[in-house]
Amino acid sequence: MKRTICFDGPVYDHLQYAKDENSVECQRIKKVLTDKIDTLIKEGECVFMSGVRRGIEMWTAEIVLEKMEVYPNVSLICVCPYEEQPTYWNENHRERYFTIHQLCTKLVMLNRHYENDSYQKLDNYLLEHCDTIVTLNSEESRMARKAAQMNKLILSID
């Protein structure tokens, strides 16, 4: 059975440990995400979707790209809310972002320029096109609440 999975979690600026990806907490979260992705892949064909926002989404996109090298039943769709998304990011994040876009299976561009509701449109697109959402801190997630209203499968990780 083919599943389409997206990821949700606190944005980069709200993750204290995200600024130091070598921190124990950041490494723990990445390990949990890797384990969850491995489990989902073992359950069958997977299409992963990511908005490639810094933090959880970027990390999961990078993990999925590694898995694509080993598992032919895995693909990654990157959904970009607007073309200028990484403009004000540091060089490291911009390079990672563009590398992910180059290596993904498909790239969807929702808009050319930023609009006040760009990220709301991104979340709506992801939810409309996935059947499963993997979320960190689901009790705080607006996206997880909306997914529940849409009867999507919600897998919470800690």
C-alpha atoms as a PDB file:
ATOM      1  CA  MET A   1       0.000   0.000   0.000  1.00  0.00           C
ATOM      2  CA  LYS A   2       1.390   3.394  -1.012  1.00  0.00           C
ATOM      3  CA  ARG A   3       1.325   6.020   1.770  1.00  0.00           C
ATOM      4  CA  THR A   4       1.885   9.727   1.520  1.00  0.00           C
ATOM      5  CA  ILE A   5       3.457  11.132   4.660  1.00  0.00           C
ATOM      6  CA  CYS A   6       4.270  14.655   5.770  1.00  0.00           C
ATOM      7  CA  PHE A   7       6.034  15.896   8.872  1.00  0.00           C
ATOM      8  CA  ASP A   8       5.196  18.625  11.322  1.00  0.00           C
ATOM      9  CA  GLY A   9       6.942  20.110  14.301  1.00  0.00           C
ATOM     10  CA  PRO A  10       7.924  23.371  15.919  1.00  0.00           C
ATOM     11  CA  VAL A  11       9.535  25.860  13.563  1.00  0.00           C
ATOM     12  CA  TYR A  12      13.294  26.309  13.732  1.00  0.00           C
ATOM     13  CA  ASP A  13      13.146  29.533  15.725  1.00  0.00           C
ATOM     14  CA  HIS A  14      11.177  27.752  18.465  1.00  0.00           C
ATOM     15  CA  LEU A  15      13.614  24.846  18.780  1.00  0.00           C
ATOM     16  CA  GLN A  16      16.373  25.801  21.202  1.00  0.00           C
ATOM     17  CA  TYR A  17      18.451  22.746  20.239  1.00  0.00           C
ATOM     18  CA  ALA A  18      18.111  23.328  16.477  1.00  0.00           C
ATOM     19  CA  LYS A  19      20.749  26.041  16.483  1.00  0.00           C
ATOM     20  CA  ASP A  20      23.343  23.410  17.454  1.00  0.00           C
ATOM     21  CA  GLU A  21      22.648  20.304  15.413  1.00  0.00           C
ATOM     22  CA  ASN A  22      25.428  18.478  17.267  1.00  0.00           C
ATOM     23  CA  SER A  23      23.648  18.929  20.590  1.00  0.00           C
ATOM     24  CA  VAL A  24      22.483  15.804  22.399  1.00  0.00           C
ATOM     25  CA  GLU A  25      18.813  16.816  22.112  1.00  0.00           C
ATOM     26  CA  CYS A  26      19.042  17.562  18.387  1.00  0.00           C
ATOM     27  CA  GLN A  27      20.795  14.255  17.719  1.00  0.00           C
ATOM     28  CA  ARG A  28      18.117  12.460  19.774  1.00  0.00           C
ATOM     29  CA  ILE A  29      15.304  14.032  17.727  1.00  0.00           C
ATOM     30  CA  LYS A  30      17.059  13.166  14.453  1.00  0.00           C
ATOM     31  CA  LYS A  31      17.446   9.558  15.640  1.00  0.00           C
ATOM     32  CA  VAL A  32      13.748   9.365  16.545  1.00  0.00           C
ATOM     33  CA  LEU A  33      12.842  10.786  13.115  1.00  0.00           C
ATOM     34  CA  THR A  34      15.161   8.313  11.371  1.00  0.00           C
ATOM     35  CA  ASP A  35      13.647   5.398  13.293  1.00  0.00           C
ATOM     36  CA  LYS A  36      10.107   6.541  12.403  1.00  0.00           C
ATOM     37  CA  ILE A  37      11.019   6.904   8.721  1.00  0.00           C
ATOM     38  CA  ASP A  38      12.632   3.429   8.758  1.00  0.00           C
ATOM     39  CA  THR A  39       9.463   1.960  10.278  1.00  0.00           C
ATOM     40  CA  LEU A  40       7.236   3.641   7.688  1.00  0.00           C
ATOM     41  CA  ILE A  41       9.437   2.431   4.825  1.00  0.00           C
ATOM     42  CA  LYS A  42       9.351  -1.151   6.133  1.00  0.00           C
ATOM     43  CA  GLU A  43       5.545  -0.977   6.150  1.00  0.00           C
ATOM     44  CA  GLY A  44       5.436  -0.355   2.380  1.00  0.00           C
ATOM     45  CA  GLU A  45       5.896   2.112  -0.428  1.00  0.00           C
ATOM     46  CA  CYS A  46       6.204   5.660   0.845  1.00  0.00           C
ATOM     47  CA  VAL A  47       5.927   9.103  -0.652  1.00  0.00           C
ATOM     48  CA  PHE A  48       7.236  11.682   1.791  1.00  0.00           C
ATOM     49  CA  MET A  49       6.303  15.347   1.486  1.00  0.00           C
ATOM     50  CA  SER A  50       8.185  18.280   2.983  1.00  0.00           C
ATOM     51  CA  GLY A  51       7.913  22.043   3.003  1.00  0.00           C
ATOM     52  CA  VAL A  52      11.659  22.001   3.771  1.00  0.00           C
ATOM     53  CA  ARG A  53      11.330  24.613   6.494  1.00  0.00           C
ATOM     54  CA  ARG A  54      14.419  24.776   8.699  1.00  0.00           C
ATOM     55  CA  GLY A  55      14.332  22.256  11.520  1.00  0.00           C
ATOM     56  CA  ILE A  56      12.157  19.124  11.518  1.00  0.00           C
ATOM     57  CA  GLU A  57      11.132  19.359   7.851  1.00  0.00           C
ATOM     58  CA  MET A  58      14.661  19.933   6.577  1.00  0.00           C
ATOM     59  CA  TRP A  59      16.020  17.122   8.736  1.00  0.00           C
ATOM     60  CA  THR A  60      13.368  14.646   7.605  1.00  0.00           C
ATOM     61  CA  ALA A  61      13.898  15.602   3.957  1.00  0.00           C
ATOM     62  CA  GLU A  62      17.625  14.905   4.337  1.00  0.00           C
ATOM     63  CA  ILE A  63      16.919  11.573   6.045  1.00  0.00           C
ATOM     64  CA  VAL A  64      14.482  10.577   3.290  1.00  0.00           C
ATOM     65  CA  LEU A  65      17.049  11.449   0.612  1.00  0.00           C
ATOM     66  CA  GLU A  66      19.513   9.078   2.300  1.00  0.00           C
ATOM     67  CA  LYS A  67      16.860   6.334   2.352  1.00  0.00           C
ATOM     68  CA  MET A  68      16.082   6.889  -1.344  1.00  0.00           C
ATOM     69  CA  GLU A  69      19.610   5.727  -2.135  1.00  0.00           C
ATOM     70  CA  VAL A  70      18.801   2.330  -0.595  1.00  0.00           C
ATOM     71  CA  TYR A  71      15.049   1.890  -1.090  1.00  0.00           C
ATOM     72  CA  PRO A  72      13.563   2.268  -4.581  1.00  0.00           C
ATOM     73  CA  ASN A  73      10.049   2.382  -3.083  1.00  0.00           C
ATOM     74  CA  VAL A  74      10.701   5.760  -1.435  1.00  0.00           C
ATOM     75  CA  SER A  75      10.241   9.214  -2.945  1.00  0.00           C
ATOM     76  CA  LEU A  76      10.325  12.809  -1.730  1.00  0.00           C
ATOM     77  CA  ILE A  77       8.095  15.639  -2.871  1.00  0.00           C
ATOM     78  CA  CYS A  78       9.252  19.091  -1.815  1.00  0.00           C
ATOM     79  CA  VAL A  79       6.521  21.693  -1.562  1.00  0.00           C
ATOM     80  CA  CYS A  80       7.859  25.223  -1.590  1.00  0.00           C
ATOM     81  CA  PRO A  81       5.483  27.902  -0.244  1.00  0.00           C
ATOM     82  CA  TYR A  82       7.175  30.618  -2.322  1.00  0.00           C
ATOM     83  CA  GLU A  83      10.259  30.906  -4.473  1.00  0.00           C
ATOM     84  CA  GLU A  84      12.106  33.316  -2.159  1.00  0.00           C
ATOM     85  CA  GLN A  85      11.679  31.105   0.945  1.00  0.00           C
ATOM     86  CA  PRO A  86      15.393  30.759   1.874  1.00  0.00           C
ATOM     87  CA  THR A  87      16.398  34.334   1.004  1.00  0.00           C
ATOM     88  CA  TYR A  88      17.259  35.397   4.554  1.00  0.00           C
ATOM     89  CA  TRP A  89      18.609  32.067   5.790  1.00  0.00           C
ATOM     90  CA  ASN A  90      22.279  31.552   6.516  1.00  0.00           C
ATOM     91  CA  GLU A  91      24.462  30.077   3.782  1.00  0.00           C
ATOM     92  CA  ASN A  92      24.488  26.569   5.290  1.00  0.00           C
ATOM     93  CA  HIS A  93      20.693  26.335   5.401  1.00  0.00           C
ATOM     94  CA  ARG A  94      20.337  27.773   1.888  1.00  0.00           C
ATOM     95  CA  GLU A  95      22.815  25.218   0.486  1.00  0.00           C
ATOM     96  CA  ARG A  96      21.019  22.347   2.227  1.00  0.00           C
ATOM     97  CA  TYR A  97      17.658  23.639   0.976  1.00  0.00           C
ATOM     98  CA  PHE A  98      18.782  23.804  -2.656  1.00  0.00           C
ATOM     99  CA  THR A  99      20.521  20.415  -2.439  1.00  0.00           C
ATOM    100  CA  ILE A 100      17.280  18.873  -1.177  1.00  0.00           C
ATOM    101  CA  HIS A 101      15.389  20.494  -4.054  1.00  0.00           C
ATOM    102  CA  GLN A 102      17.903  19.159  -6.584  1.00  0.00           C
ATOM    103  CA  LEU A 103      17.699  15.589  -5.274  1.00  0.00           C
ATOM    104  CA  CYS A 104      13.979  15.303  -4.535  1.00  0.00           C
ATOM    105  CA  THR A 105      11.652  13.299  -6.744  1.00  0.00           C
ATOM    106  CA  LYS A 106       9.323  16.224  -7.439  1.00  0.00           C
ATOM    107  CA  LEU A 107       9.228  19.933  -6.617  1.00  0.00           C
ATOM    108  CA  VAL A 108       5.952  21.820  -6.213  1.00  0.00           C
ATOM    109  CA  MET A 109       6.134  25.641  -6.125  1.00  0.00           C
ATOM    110  CA  LEU A 110       2.997  27.175  -4.608  1.00  0.00           C
ATOM    111  CA  ASN A 111       3.791  30.844  -5.230  1.00  0.00           C
ATOM    112  CA  ARG A 112       6.508  33.116  -6.585  1.00  0.00           C
ATOM    113  CA  HIS A 113       6.493  35.645  -3.746  1.00  0.00           C
ATOM    114  CA  TYR A 114       5.732  35.664  -0.035  1.00  0.00           C
ATOM    115  CA  GLU A 115       2.148  36.370   0.999  1.00  0.00           C
ATOM    116  CA  ASN A 116       0.757  36.697   4.523  1.00  0.00           C
ATOM    117  CA  ASP A 117      -0.817  33.251   4.248  1.00  0.00           C
ATOM    118  CA  SER A 118       2.056  31.484   2.439  1.00  0.00           C
ATOM    119  CA  TYR A 119       2.727  29.036   5.270  1.00  0.00           C
ATOM    120  CA  GLN A 120      -0.959  28.405   5.890  1.00  0.00           C
ATOM    121  CA  LYS A 121      -1.292  27.520   2.194  1.00  0.00           C
ATOM    122  CA  LEU A 122       1.738  25.231   2.525  1.00  0.00           C
ATOM    123  CA  ASP A 123       0.223  23.407   5.510  1.00  0.00           C
ATOM    124  CA  ASN A 124      -3.118  23.088   3.695  1.00  0.00           C
ATOM    125  CA  TYR A 125      -1.425  21.676   0.599  1.00  0.00           C
ATOM    126  CA  LEU A 126       0.530  19.143   2.627  1.00  0.00           C
ATOM    127  CA  LEU A 127      -2.577  18.041   4.519  1.00  0.00           C
ATOM    128  CA  GLU A 128      -4.701  17.785   1.377  1.00  0.00           C
ATOM    129  CA  HIS A 129      -2.107  15.576  -0.310  1.00  0.00           C
ATOM    130  CA  CYS A 130      -1.041  13.285   2.523  1.00  0.00           C
ATOM    131  CA  ASP A 131      -2.810  10.512   4.372  1.00  0.00           C
ATOM    132  CA  THR A 132      -0.440  10.403   7.352  1.00  0.00           C
ATOM    133  CA  ILE A 133       1.185  13.147   9.384  1.00  0.00           C
ATOM    134  CA  VAL A 134       4.136  12.519  11.679  1.00  0.00           C
ATOM    135  CA  THR A 135       4.281  15.232  14.292  1.00  0.00           C
ATOM    136  CA  LEU A 136       6.523  16.319  17.108  1.00  0.00           C
ATOM    137  CA  ASN A 137       4.581  17.963  19.962  1.00  0.00           C
ATOM    138  CA  SER A 138       1.164  17.134  18.495  1.00  0.00           C
ATOM    139  CA  GLU A 139      -0.709  18.751  21.376  1.00  0.00           C
ATOM    140  CA  GLU A 140       0.742  22.142  20.346  1.00  0.00           C
ATOM    141  CA  SER A 141       0.414  21.663  16.593  1.00  0.00           C
ATOM    142  CA  ARG A 142      -2.201  23.590  14.633  1.00  0.00           C
ATOM    143  CA  MET A 143      -1.452  21.319  11.677  1.00  0.00           C
ATOM    144  CA  ALA A 144      -2.092  18.163  13.754  1.00  0.00           C
ATOM    145  CA  ARG A 145      -5.423  19.565  14.974  1.00  0.00           C
ATOM    146  CA  LYS A 146      -6.455  20.261  11.391  1.00  0.00           C
ATOM    147  CA  ALA A 147      -5.260  16.776  10.339  1.00  0.00           C
ATOM    148  CA  ALA A 148      -7.486  15.252  13.024  1.00  0.00           C
ATOM    149  CA  GLN A 149     -10.476  17.179  11.647  1.00  0.00           C
ATOM    150  CA  MET A 150      -9.645  15.779   8.206  1.00  0.00           C
ATOM    151  CA  ASN A 151      -9.434  12.208   9.593  1.00  0.00           C
ATOM    152  CA  LYS A 152      -5.761  11.859   8.696  1.00  0.00           C
ATOM    153  CA  LEU A 153      -3.628   9.329  10.520  1.00  0.00           C
ATOM    154  CA  ILE A 154      -1.520  11.186  13.080  1.00  0.00           C
ATOM    155  CA  LEU A 155       1.679   9.584  14.382  1.00  0.00           C
ATOM    156  CA  SER A 156       3.079  11.518  17.316  1.00  0.00           C
ATOM    157  CA  ILE A 157       6.735  11.303  18.258  1.00  0.00           C
ATOM    158  CA  ASP A 158       8.486  12.580  21.368  1.00  0.00           C
END
